[in-house]
Amino acid sequence: MRYSEAFWSVKLEELKPGKYELRVRSVDKNGFAQPEPRSGGRSGKNQVPVKLFAVE
């Protein structure tokens, strides 16, 4: 479905102390990761959201 959202969670275990960033992309029905990278300065929202976190 276009413009839909899906909520999910992940449990990351046994990470060594340090700073991390998590980026997640979905895969469409045709097997293509979304959002696809945009080259050549095309317009549109195609950023892959990022979550920064630290393990101490």
N, C-alpha and C. Protein backbone atom coordinates (compact mmCIF):
# COMPACT_ATOMS: atom_id res chain seq x y z
N MET A 1 0.84 -1.17 0.00
CA MET A 1 0.00 0.00 0.00
C MET A 1 0.89 1.24 0.00
N ARG A 2 0.58 2.17 -0.83
CA ARG A 2 1.36 3.39 -0.90
C ARG A 2 1.20 4.21 0.37
N TYR A 3 2.29 4.84 0.77
CA TYR A 3 2.30 5.76 1.91
C TYR A 3 1.85 5.09 3.20
N SER A 4 2.15 3.83 3.35
CA SER A 4 1.76 3.13 4.57
C SER A 4 2.92 3.11 5.56
N GLU A 5 2.61 2.83 6.80
CA GLU A 5 3.62 2.73 7.85
C GLU A 5 3.50 1.37 8.50
N ALA A 6 4.64 0.86 8.93
CA ALA A 6 4.66 -0.40 9.67
C ALA A 6 5.52 -0.18 10.91
N PHE A 7 5.04 -0.60 12.03
CA PHE A 7 5.77 -0.45 13.28
C PHE A 7 6.45 -1.77 13.61
N TRP A 8 7.67 -1.69 14.08
CA TRP A 8 8.44 -2.89 14.37
C TRP A 8 9.40 -2.59 15.50
N SER A 9 10.05 -3.61 16.00
CA SER A 9 11.06 -3.42 17.04
C SER A 9 12.19 -4.42 16.79
N VAL A 10 13.32 -4.14 17.41
CA VAL A 10 14.48 -5.01 17.27
C VAL A 10 15.19 -5.08 18.63
N LYS A 11 15.70 -6.24 18.96
CA LYS A 11 16.45 -6.41 20.20
C LYS A 11 17.90 -6.69 19.82
N LEU A 12 18.76 -5.73 20.09
CA LEU A 12 20.18 -5.86 19.77
C LEU A 12 20.91 -6.37 21.01
N GLU A 13 21.50 -7.53 20.90
CA GLU A 13 22.17 -8.14 22.04
C GLU A 13 23.68 -8.20 21.82
N GLU A 14 24.41 -8.21 22.93
CA GLU A 14 25.86 -8.39 22.93
C GLU A 14 26.61 -7.36 22.10
N LEU A 15 26.15 -6.10 22.13
CA LEU A 15 26.88 -5.04 21.46
C LEU A 15 28.02 -4.56 22.35
N LYS A 16 29.16 -4.34 21.75
CA LYS A 16 30.29 -3.81 22.50
C LYS A 16 30.05 -2.33 22.78
N PRO A 17 30.63 -1.80 23.87
CA PRO A 17 30.47 -0.38 24.16
C PRO A 17 30.95 0.49 22.99
N GLY A 18 30.21 1.52 22.72
CA GLY A 18 30.56 2.42 21.64
C GLY A 18 29.34 3.15 21.13
N LYS A 19 29.55 3.95 20.08
CA LYS A 19 28.46 4.70 19.44
C LYS A 19 28.05 3.98 18.18
N TYR A 20 26.75 3.91 17.95
CA TYR A 20 26.19 3.20 16.81
C TYR A 20 25.15 4.06 16.11
N GLU A 21 24.87 3.73 14.85
CA GLU A 21 23.73 4.31 14.16
C GLU A 21 23.00 3.18 13.45
N LEU A 22 21.68 3.22 13.52
CA LEU A 22 20.83 2.19 12.95
C LEU A 22 20.04 2.82 11.81
N ARG A 23 20.15 2.22 10.63
CA ARG A 23 19.38 2.66 9.46
C ARG A 23 18.60 1.46 8.94
N VAL A 24 17.34 1.67 8.62
CA VAL A 24 16.48 0.58 8.19
C VAL A 24 15.74 0.97 6.92
N ARG A 25 15.74 0.04 5.96
CA ARG A 25 14.98 0.25 4.73
C ARG A 25 14.04 -0.94 4.53
N SER A 26 12.95 -0.71 3.87
CA SER A 26 12.02 -1.80 3.57
C SER A 26 12.29 -2.32 2.16
N VAL A 27 11.69 -3.44 1.83
CA VAL A 27 11.82 -4.03 0.49
C VAL A 27 10.42 -4.12 -0.10
N ASP A 28 10.26 -3.62 -1.35
CA ASP A 28 8.94 -3.64 -1.96
C ASP A 28 8.63 -5.00 -2.59
N LYS A 29 7.44 -5.13 -3.18
CA LYS A 29 7.01 -6.41 -3.76
C LYS A 29 7.95 -6.91 -4.86
N ASN A 30 8.65 -6.00 -5.52
CA ASN A 30 9.55 -6.37 -6.61
C ASN A 30 10.97 -6.67 -6.12
N GLY A 31 11.19 -6.61 -4.81
CA GLY A 31 12.50 -6.92 -4.25
C GLY A 31 13.47 -5.75 -4.21
N PHE A 32 12.99 -4.53 -4.42
CA PHE A 32 13.84 -3.35 -4.40
C PHE A 32 13.76 -2.66 -3.04
N ALA A 33 14.94 -2.33 -2.48
CA ALA A 33 14.97 -1.61 -1.21
C ALA A 33 14.41 -0.22 -1.40
N GLN A 34 13.62 0.23 -0.43
CA GLN A 34 13.01 1.56 -0.48
C GLN A 34 13.36 2.30 0.80
N PRO A 35 13.61 3.57 0.78
CA PRO A 35 13.67 4.40 -0.42
C PRO A 35 14.97 4.16 -1.18
N GLU A 36 14.89 4.23 -2.50
CA GLU A 36 16.07 4.07 -3.32
C GLU A 36 16.88 5.35 -3.30
N PRO A 37 18.21 5.24 -3.42
CA PRO A 37 19.04 6.46 -3.46
C PRO A 37 18.69 7.30 -4.68
N ARG A 38 18.71 8.59 -4.50
CA ARG A 38 18.45 9.51 -5.61
C ARG A 38 19.76 10.14 -6.03
N SER A 39 20.08 10.02 -7.28
CA SER A 39 21.31 10.65 -7.78
C SER A 39 20.95 11.86 -8.62
N GLY A 40 21.92 12.72 -8.82
CA GLY A 40 21.70 13.87 -9.69
C GLY A 40 20.82 14.95 -9.12
N GLY A 41 20.65 14.99 -7.80
CA GLY A 41 19.90 16.08 -7.20
C GLY A 41 18.41 16.06 -7.50
N ARG A 42 17.85 14.89 -7.74
CA ARG A 42 16.40 14.82 -7.98
C ARG A 42 15.65 15.24 -6.73
N SER A 43 14.44 15.69 -6.93
CA SER A 43 13.64 16.09 -5.78
C SER A 43 12.90 14.89 -5.22
N GLY A 44 12.37 15.04 -4.05
CA GLY A 44 11.60 13.98 -3.41
C GLY A 44 12.23 13.56 -2.11
N LYS A 45 11.42 12.94 -1.27
CA LYS A 45 11.91 12.47 0.02
C LYS A 45 12.44 11.05 -0.14
N ASN A 46 13.74 10.90 0.06
CA ASN A 46 14.33 9.58 -0.10
C ASN A 46 15.35 9.28 0.99
N GLN A 47 15.35 10.05 2.04
CA GLN A 47 16.31 9.84 3.10
C GLN A 47 15.96 8.59 3.89
N VAL A 48 16.99 7.85 4.29
CA VAL A 48 16.81 6.70 5.15
C VAL A 48 16.94 7.22 6.59
N PRO A 49 15.88 7.13 7.39
CA PRO A 49 15.97 7.63 8.76
C PRO A 49 17.07 6.92 9.54
N VAL A 50 17.65 7.63 10.50
CA VAL A 50 18.74 7.07 11.29
C VAL A 50 18.43 7.26 12.77
N LYS A 51 18.79 6.27 13.57
CA LYS A 51 18.67 6.34 15.04
C LYS A 51 20.07 6.20 15.60
N LEU A 52 20.55 7.25 16.26
CA LEU A 52 21.86 7.22 16.89
C LEU A 52 21.70 6.78 18.34
N PHE A 53 22.61 5.90 18.80
CA PHE A 53 22.56 5.49 20.20
C PHE A 53 23.94 5.06 20.64
N ALA A 54 24.13 5.03 21.96
CA ALA A 54 25.42 4.64 22.54
C ALA A 54 25.21 3.50 23.52
N VAL A 55 26.18 2.60 23.55
CA VAL A 55 26.20 1.49 24.51
C VAL A 55 27.35 1.75 25.45
N GLU A 56 27.08 1.74 26.74
CA GLU A 56 28.13 2.01 27.71
C GLU A 56 28.49 0.76 28.48
